[in-house]
N, C-alpha and C. Protein backbone atom coordinates (compact mmCIF):
# COMPACT_ATOMS: atom_id res chain seq x y z
N UNK A 1 -10.96 2.03 16.81
CA UNK A 1 -10.99 0.91 18.01
C UNK A 1 -9.41 1.62 18.50
N UNK A 2 -9.50 1.69 19.51
CA UNK A 2 -8.10 2.14 20.26
C UNK A 2 -7.72 0.95 20.81
N UNK A 3 -5.87 0.65 20.59
CA UNK A 3 -5.60 -0.38 21.05
C UNK A 3 -5.34 -0.54 22.61
N UNK A 4 -5.01 -1.17 23.38
CA UNK A 4 -4.51 -1.28 24.17
C UNK A 4 -3.10 -2.37 25.01
N UNK A 5 -2.21 -1.72 25.67
CA UNK A 5 -1.43 -2.63 25.62
C UNK A 5 -1.42 -3.95 26.60
N UNK A 6 -0.92 -5.06 25.69
CA UNK A 6 -1.47 -6.66 26.28
C UNK A 6 -2.65 -7.10 26.10
N UNK A 7 -3.37 -6.53 25.02
CA UNK A 7 -4.53 -6.84 24.55
C UNK A 7 -4.67 -7.18 22.84
N UNK A 8 -4.46 -8.06 22.29
CA UNK A 8 -4.95 -8.64 20.82
C UNK A 8 -6.21 -8.20 20.69
N UNK A 9 -6.39 -7.71 19.72
CA UNK A 9 -7.90 -6.86 18.82
C UNK A 9 -7.90 -7.74 17.35
N UNK A 10 -9.26 -7.93 16.87
CA UNK A 10 -9.41 -8.34 15.65
C UNK A 10 -9.77 -7.08 15.19
N UNK A 11 -9.59 -6.92 13.72
CA UNK A 11 -9.92 -5.38 13.02
C UNK A 11 -11.05 -5.37 13.53
N UNK A 12 -11.98 -3.85 13.26
CA UNK A 12 -13.28 -3.62 13.51
C UNK A 12 -13.75 -4.52 12.46
N UNK A 13 -13.61 -4.67 11.01
CA UNK A 13 -14.14 -5.00 9.89
C UNK A 13 -14.30 -6.70 10.21
N UNK A 14 -13.90 -6.99 10.91
CA UNK A 14 -14.08 -8.35 11.29
C UNK A 14 -15.18 -8.98 12.40
N UNK A 15 -15.62 -7.77 12.88
CA UNK A 15 -16.81 -8.23 13.94
C UNK A 15 -17.99 -8.16 12.59
N UNK A 16 -19.26 -9.05 13.24
CA UNK A 16 -20.90 -8.90 12.50
C UNK A 16 -21.07 -7.24 12.06
N UNK A 17 -21.64 -7.45 10.98
CA UNK A 17 -22.44 -5.97 10.52
C UNK A 17 -22.87 -5.28 11.82
N UNK A 18 -23.49 -5.95 12.53
CA UNK A 18 -24.66 -5.76 13.33
C UNK A 18 -24.29 -6.50 14.93
N UNK A 19 -23.42 -5.39 15.67
CA UNK A 19 -22.98 -6.55 16.61
C UNK A 19 -24.07 -6.05 17.59
N UNK A 20 -25.00 -5.11 17.28
CA UNK A 20 -26.08 -5.53 18.55
C UNK A 20 -26.77 -6.65 18.41
N UNK A 21 -26.86 -7.42 17.74
CA UNK A 21 -27.22 -8.64 17.80
C UNK A 21 -26.66 -10.16 18.07
N UNK A 22 -25.25 -9.60 18.49
CA UNK A 22 -24.01 -10.67 18.90
C UNK A 22 -24.72 -11.20 20.13
N UNK A 23 -24.35 -11.83 20.29
CA UNK A 23 -24.68 -13.26 21.92
C UNK A 23 -23.89 -12.78 22.68
N UNK A 24 -24.19 -11.89 23.91
CA UNK A 24 -23.52 -11.69 25.17
C UNK A 24 -23.61 -12.89 25.94
N UNK A 25 -22.90 -13.52 26.62
CA UNK A 25 -22.66 -14.03 27.23
C UNK A 25 -23.53 -13.94 29.02
N UNK A 26 -22.91 -12.81 29.25
CA UNK A 26 -23.07 -12.31 30.76
C UNK A 26 -22.61 -11.08 30.36
N UNK A 27 -23.46 -10.25 31.62
CA UNK A 27 -22.66 -8.79 31.83
C UNK A 27 -22.85 -8.38 33.43
N UNK A 28 -21.66 -7.44 33.61
CA UNK A 28 -21.77 -6.67 35.26
C UNK A 28 -21.70 -5.74 35.24
N UNK A 29 -22.74 -5.02 35.78
CA UNK A 29 -22.59 -3.44 36.16
C UNK A 29 -21.68 -3.04 37.05
N UNK A 30 -20.84 -2.21 37.14
CA UNK A 30 -20.03 -1.94 38.08
C UNK A 30 -19.71 -0.43 38.95
N UNK A 31 -21.26 0.10 37.77
CA UNK A 31 -21.64 1.91 38.66
C UNK A 31 -22.12 1.24 40.35
N UNK A 32 -22.97 0.44 40.67
CA UNK A 32 -23.45 0.21 42.16
C UNK A 32 -21.93 0.15 42.91
N UNK A 33 -20.73 -0.36 42.47
CA UNK A 33 -20.02 -0.66 43.13
C UNK A 33 -18.19 -0.19 43.07
N UNK A 34 -18.91 1.20 42.79
CA UNK A 34 -17.01 1.77 42.46
C UNK A 34 -16.08 1.81 42.93
N UNK A 35 -16.22 1.37 44.76
CA UNK A 35 -15.33 1.47 45.48
C UNK A 35 -14.72 -0.13 45.51
N UNK A 36 -15.20 -1.16 45.34
CA UNK A 36 -15.32 -2.42 44.88
C UNK A 36 -15.05 -2.72 43.40
N UNK A 37 -14.66 -1.74 43.04
CA UNK A 37 -15.28 -2.24 41.22
C UNK A 37 -14.06 -3.13 40.53
N UNK A 38 -12.23 -3.14 41.05
CA UNK A 38 -11.46 -3.65 40.60
C UNK A 38 -11.86 -5.26 40.74
N UNK A 39 -12.35 -5.42 42.14
CA UNK A 39 -11.89 -6.79 43.03
C UNK A 39 -13.31 -7.55 42.47
N UNK A 40 -14.99 -6.69 41.80
CA UNK A 40 -15.69 -7.05 41.39
C UNK A 40 -15.21 -8.00 39.91
N UNK A 41 -14.78 -6.69 39.63
CA UNK A 41 -14.47 -6.93 37.85
C UNK A 41 -13.62 -8.35 37.67
N UNK A 42 -12.46 -8.88 38.50
CA UNK A 42 -11.96 -9.74 38.54
C UNK A 42 -12.52 -11.33 38.98
N UNK A 43 -13.46 -10.82 39.99
CA UNK A 43 -14.07 -12.05 40.33
C UNK A 43 -15.08 -12.34 39.00
N UNK A 44 -16.07 -11.34 38.61
CA UNK A 44 -16.50 -11.52 37.76
C UNK A 44 -16.30 -12.26 36.29
N UNK A 45 -15.07 -11.39 35.88
CA UNK A 45 -14.08 -11.80 34.51
C UNK A 45 -13.79 -13.76 34.69
N UNK A 46 -12.96 -13.83 36.44
CA UNK A 46 -13.13 -15.52 36.80
C UNK A 46 -14.10 -16.05 36.56
N UNK A 47 -15.00 -15.96 37.00
CA UNK A 47 -16.61 -16.66 37.01
C UNK A 47 -16.97 -16.80 35.60
N UNK A 48 -16.89 -15.36 34.85
CA UNK A 48 -17.34 -15.66 33.42
C UNK A 48 -16.49 -16.98 32.78
N UNK A 49 -15.45 -16.94 32.54
CA UNK A 49 -14.35 -17.91 32.31
C UNK A 49 -14.63 -19.31 32.73
N UNK A 50 -14.66 -19.44 34.40
CA UNK A 50 -15.23 -20.82 34.34
C UNK A 50 -16.57 -21.72 33.70
N UNK A 51 -17.26 -20.06 33.68
CA UNK A 51 -18.77 -20.73 32.76
C UNK A 51 -18.74 -21.10 31.27
N UNK A 52 -17.13 -20.60 30.78
CA UNK A 52 -16.87 -20.64 29.49
C UNK A 52 -17.67 -19.59 28.54
N UNK A 53 -17.88 -18.66 29.35
CA UNK A 53 -18.03 -17.58 28.59
C UNK A 53 -17.08 -17.12 27.78
N UNK A 54 -17.41 -16.17 26.20
CA UNK A 54 -16.37 -15.81 25.58
C UNK A 54 -16.55 -14.62 25.16
N UNK A 55 -17.69 -13.64 25.52
CA UNK A 55 -17.96 -12.43 25.12
C UNK A 55 -18.86 -11.71 26.07
N UNK A 56 -18.42 -11.04 27.39
CA UNK A 56 -19.24 -10.19 28.44
C UNK A 56 -19.21 -8.73 28.05
N UNK A 57 -20.18 -8.15 28.46
CA UNK A 57 -20.57 -7.07 28.69
C UNK A 57 -20.12 -6.07 30.17
N UNK A 58 -19.19 -5.13 30.46
CA UNK A 58 -18.85 -4.24 31.59
C UNK A 58 -19.82 -2.96 31.41
N UNK A 59 -20.21 -2.77 32.22
CA UNK A 59 -21.06 -1.51 32.21
C UNK A 59 -20.12 -0.72 33.22
N UNK A 60 -19.49 0.23 32.78
CA UNK A 60 -18.80 1.07 33.42
C UNK A 60 -19.44 2.83 33.53
N UNK A 61 -20.37 3.03 32.54
CA UNK A 61 -21.09 4.43 32.91
C UNK A 61 -20.10 5.08 31.96
N UNK A 62 -20.83 6.64 31.51
CA UNK A 62 -20.11 7.15 31.19
C UNK A 62 -19.69 8.45 31.80
N UNK A 63 -19.96 8.59 32.74
CA UNK A 63 -19.47 9.51 34.14
C UNK A 63 -20.49 10.50 34.50
N UNK A 64 -19.69 11.09 35.60
CA UNK A 64 -21.04 11.96 36.29
C UNK A 64 -21.41 13.16 35.98
N UNK A 65 -22.01 14.05 36.46
CA UNK A 65 -21.90 15.42 36.03
C UNK A 65 -20.64 16.46 36.35
N UNK A 66 -20.29 16.12 37.66
CA UNK A 66 -18.94 16.61 38.52
C UNK A 66 -17.57 16.82 37.54
N UNK A 67 -16.87 17.76 37.12
CA UNK A 67 -16.05 17.41 36.57
C UNK A 67 -14.57 16.21 37.30
N UNK A 68 -14.91 16.34 38.24
CA UNK A 68 -13.86 15.36 39.17
C UNK A 68 -14.24 14.38 39.01
N UNK A 69 -15.35 13.76 39.42
CA UNK A 69 -16.00 12.44 39.21
C UNK A 69 -16.42 12.08 37.60
N UNK A 70 -15.90 12.63 36.90
CA UNK A 70 -16.68 12.74 35.67
C UNK A 70 -15.84 11.24 34.81
N UNK A 71 -16.21 9.94 34.52
CA UNK A 71 -15.79 9.16 34.32
C UNK A 71 -14.78 7.91 34.74
N UNK A 72 -14.84 7.83 36.30
CA UNK A 72 -13.71 7.12 36.59
C UNK A 72 -13.70 5.96 36.36
N UNK A 73 -14.93 4.98 36.60
CA UNK A 73 -14.64 3.73 35.70
C UNK A 73 -14.26 3.65 34.37
N UNK A 74 -14.85 4.41 33.31
CA UNK A 74 -14.78 4.32 32.03
C UNK A 74 -13.17 4.68 31.54
N UNK A 75 -12.62 5.61 32.47
CA UNK A 75 -10.94 5.66 32.23
C UNK A 75 -10.16 4.25 33.14
N UNK A 76 -10.79 4.04 34.05
CA UNK A 76 -9.83 2.96 34.77
C UNK A 76 -9.95 1.71 34.82
N UNK A 77 -11.27 0.84 34.16
CA UNK A 77 -11.32 -0.38 33.49
C UNK A 77 -10.56 -0.96 32.48
N UNK A 78 -10.25 0.12 31.70
CA UNK A 78 -9.56 -0.08 30.09
C UNK A 78 -7.81 -0.32 31.20
N UNK A 79 -7.38 0.56 31.86
CA UNK A 79 -6.20 0.54 32.47
C UNK A 79 -6.01 -0.93 33.12
N UNK A 80 -7.35 -1.23 33.98
CA UNK A 80 -7.22 -2.52 34.69
C UNK A 80 -6.79 -3.85 34.05
N UNK A 81 -7.70 -3.81 32.60
CA UNK A 81 -7.77 -5.16 31.85
C UNK A 81 -6.44 -5.53 31.14
N UNK A 82 -5.50 -4.15 31.35
CA UNK A 82 -4.40 -4.48 31.00
C UNK A 82 -3.14 -5.07 31.92
N UNK A 83 -3.59 -4.84 33.20
CA UNK A 83 -2.60 -5.68 34.54
C UNK A 83 -2.68 -7.15 34.04
N UNK A 84 -1.76 -7.43 34.70
CA UNK A 84 -1.48 -9.11 34.03
C UNK A 84 -2.63 -9.89 34.98
N UNK A 85 -2.98 -9.64 36.30
CA UNK A 85 -4.16 -10.42 36.82
C UNK A 85 -5.33 -10.42 35.88
N UNK A 86 -5.60 -9.54 35.14
CA UNK A 86 -6.74 -9.56 33.97
C UNK A 86 -6.23 -10.13 32.54
N UNK A 87 -4.54 -9.78 32.08
CA UNK A 87 -4.53 -10.43 30.97
C UNK A 87 -4.57 -11.67 30.45
N UNK A 88 -4.48 -12.17 31.66
CA UNK A 88 -4.26 -13.94 31.72
C UNK A 88 -5.64 -14.09 31.56
N UNK A 89 -7.00 -13.62 31.47
CA UNK A 89 -8.18 -13.83 31.22
C UNK A 89 -9.01 -13.30 29.75
N UNK A 90 -7.97 -12.08 29.44
CA UNK A 90 -8.78 -11.36 28.60
C UNK A 90 -8.31 -11.34 27.22
N UNK A 91 -8.87 -11.48 25.89
CA UNK A 91 -8.26 -11.31 25.08
C UNK A 91 -8.26 -9.77 24.10
N UNK A 92 -9.34 -8.88 24.34
CA UNK A 92 -9.38 -7.79 24.02
C UNK A 92 -10.74 -6.98 24.57
N UNK A 93 -10.82 -6.04 23.94
CA UNK A 93 -12.23 -5.05 24.81
C UNK A 93 -12.09 -3.91 24.06
N UNK A 94 -13.15 -3.50 23.78
CA UNK A 94 -13.53 -2.34 22.99
C UNK A 94 -15.22 -1.61 23.22
N UNK A 95 -15.13 -0.30 23.14
CA UNK A 95 -16.63 0.44 23.46
C UNK A 95 -17.90 -0.61 22.95
N UNK A 96 -18.54 -0.78 23.77
CA UNK A 96 -19.63 -1.19 23.19
C UNK A 96 -21.21 -0.92 21.88
N UNK A 97 -21.67 -1.33 21.44
CA UNK A 97 -22.50 -0.95 20.45
C UNK A 97 -23.29 0.30 21.43
N UNK A 98 -23.93 0.98 20.72
CA UNK A 98 -25.09 2.04 21.37
C UNK A 98 -25.75 1.24 21.95
N UNK A 99 -26.43 -0.09 21.41
CA UNK A 99 -27.46 -1.04 21.86
C UNK A 99 -27.28 -1.73 23.02
N UNK A 100 -25.85 -1.54 23.39
CA UNK A 100 -25.48 -2.23 24.62
C UNK A 100 -25.12 -0.95 25.78
N UNK A 101 -24.96 0.05 25.50
CA UNK A 101 -24.74 1.18 26.23
C UNK A 101 -23.37 1.73 25.82
N UNK A 102 -23.00 1.64 24.74
CA UNK A 102 -22.24 2.62 24.07
C UNK A 102 -21.06 3.00 24.75
N UNK A 103 -20.87 3.94 25.03
CA UNK A 103 -19.26 4.53 25.00
C UNK A 103 -19.28 4.19 27.05
N UNK A 104 -20.53 3.91 27.51
CA UNK A 104 -20.87 3.21 28.69
C UNK A 104 -20.44 2.04 29.17
N UNK A 105 -20.15 1.11 28.14
CA UNK A 105 -19.93 -0.24 28.21
C UNK A 105 -18.73 -0.67 27.31
N UNK A 106 -18.45 -1.63 27.91
CA UNK A 106 -17.28 -2.43 27.15
C UNK A 106 -17.47 -4.14 26.87
N UNK A 107 -17.30 -4.45 25.65
CA UNK A 107 -17.28 -5.58 25.22
C UNK A 107 -15.99 -6.10 25.69
N UNK A 108 -15.76 -6.99 26.48
CA UNK A 108 -14.78 -7.81 26.65
C UNK A 108 -14.49 -9.49 26.17
N UNK A 109 -13.94 -9.58 25.49
CA UNK A 109 -13.66 -10.95 24.98
C UNK A 109 -12.54 -11.84 25.94
N UNK A 110 -12.99 -13.30 26.44
CA UNK A 110 -12.57 -13.76 28.04
C UNK A 110 -11.81 -14.92 26.50
N UNK A 111 -10.31 -15.38 27.35
CA UNK A 111 -9.72 -16.47 26.82
C UNK A 111 -10.59 -17.97 27.38
N UNK A 112 -10.12 -18.96 26.46
CA UNK A 112 -10.65 -20.05 26.79
C UNK A 112 -9.75 -20.12 28.17
N UNK A 113 -10.55 -21.22 29.32
CA UNK A 113 -10.06 -21.80 30.42
C UNK A 113 -8.53 -22.76 29.98
N UNK A 114 -8.51 -23.00 29.08
CA UNK A 114 -7.19 -23.90 28.92
C UNK A 114 -5.89 -23.13 28.98
N UNK A 115 -6.07 -21.46 28.86
CA UNK A 115 -4.89 -20.70 28.55
C UNK A 115 -5.04 -20.03 30.08
N UNK A 116 -5.36 -20.39 30.91
CA UNK A 116 -5.43 -19.66 32.21
C UNK A 116 -4.75 -20.66 33.06
N UNK A 117 -3.84 -19.76 33.63
CA UNK A 117 -3.09 -20.40 34.43
C UNK A 117 -3.54 -20.27 36.03
N UNK A 118 -3.44 -21.35 36.81
CA UNK A 118 -4.31 -21.23 37.78
C UNK A 118 -2.93 -21.11 39.06
């Protein structure tokens, strides 16, 4: 598991053995919204937090065929999640299990509402 600045992580062995059976509260596919992905992700995490979601799935995709476009969201989303506007909502994140999209998706853990400043 790669560490990201500003996010706390649980050790990999503290996750359930078969994370593919772990309950995901809600998912967001960022692929159709590449131009608006940053704002879409922030709105999605805000809404998920307000609904009390604790674990969400963010689908970034693995990247396209062309070298210049390869994995833009896959590279950008982890950087965005380290920004202050996301850190106040996000505990941590990591690549999803293959059953949930593998390297083309991220599990994102959401803070409880009481920790979020309005």
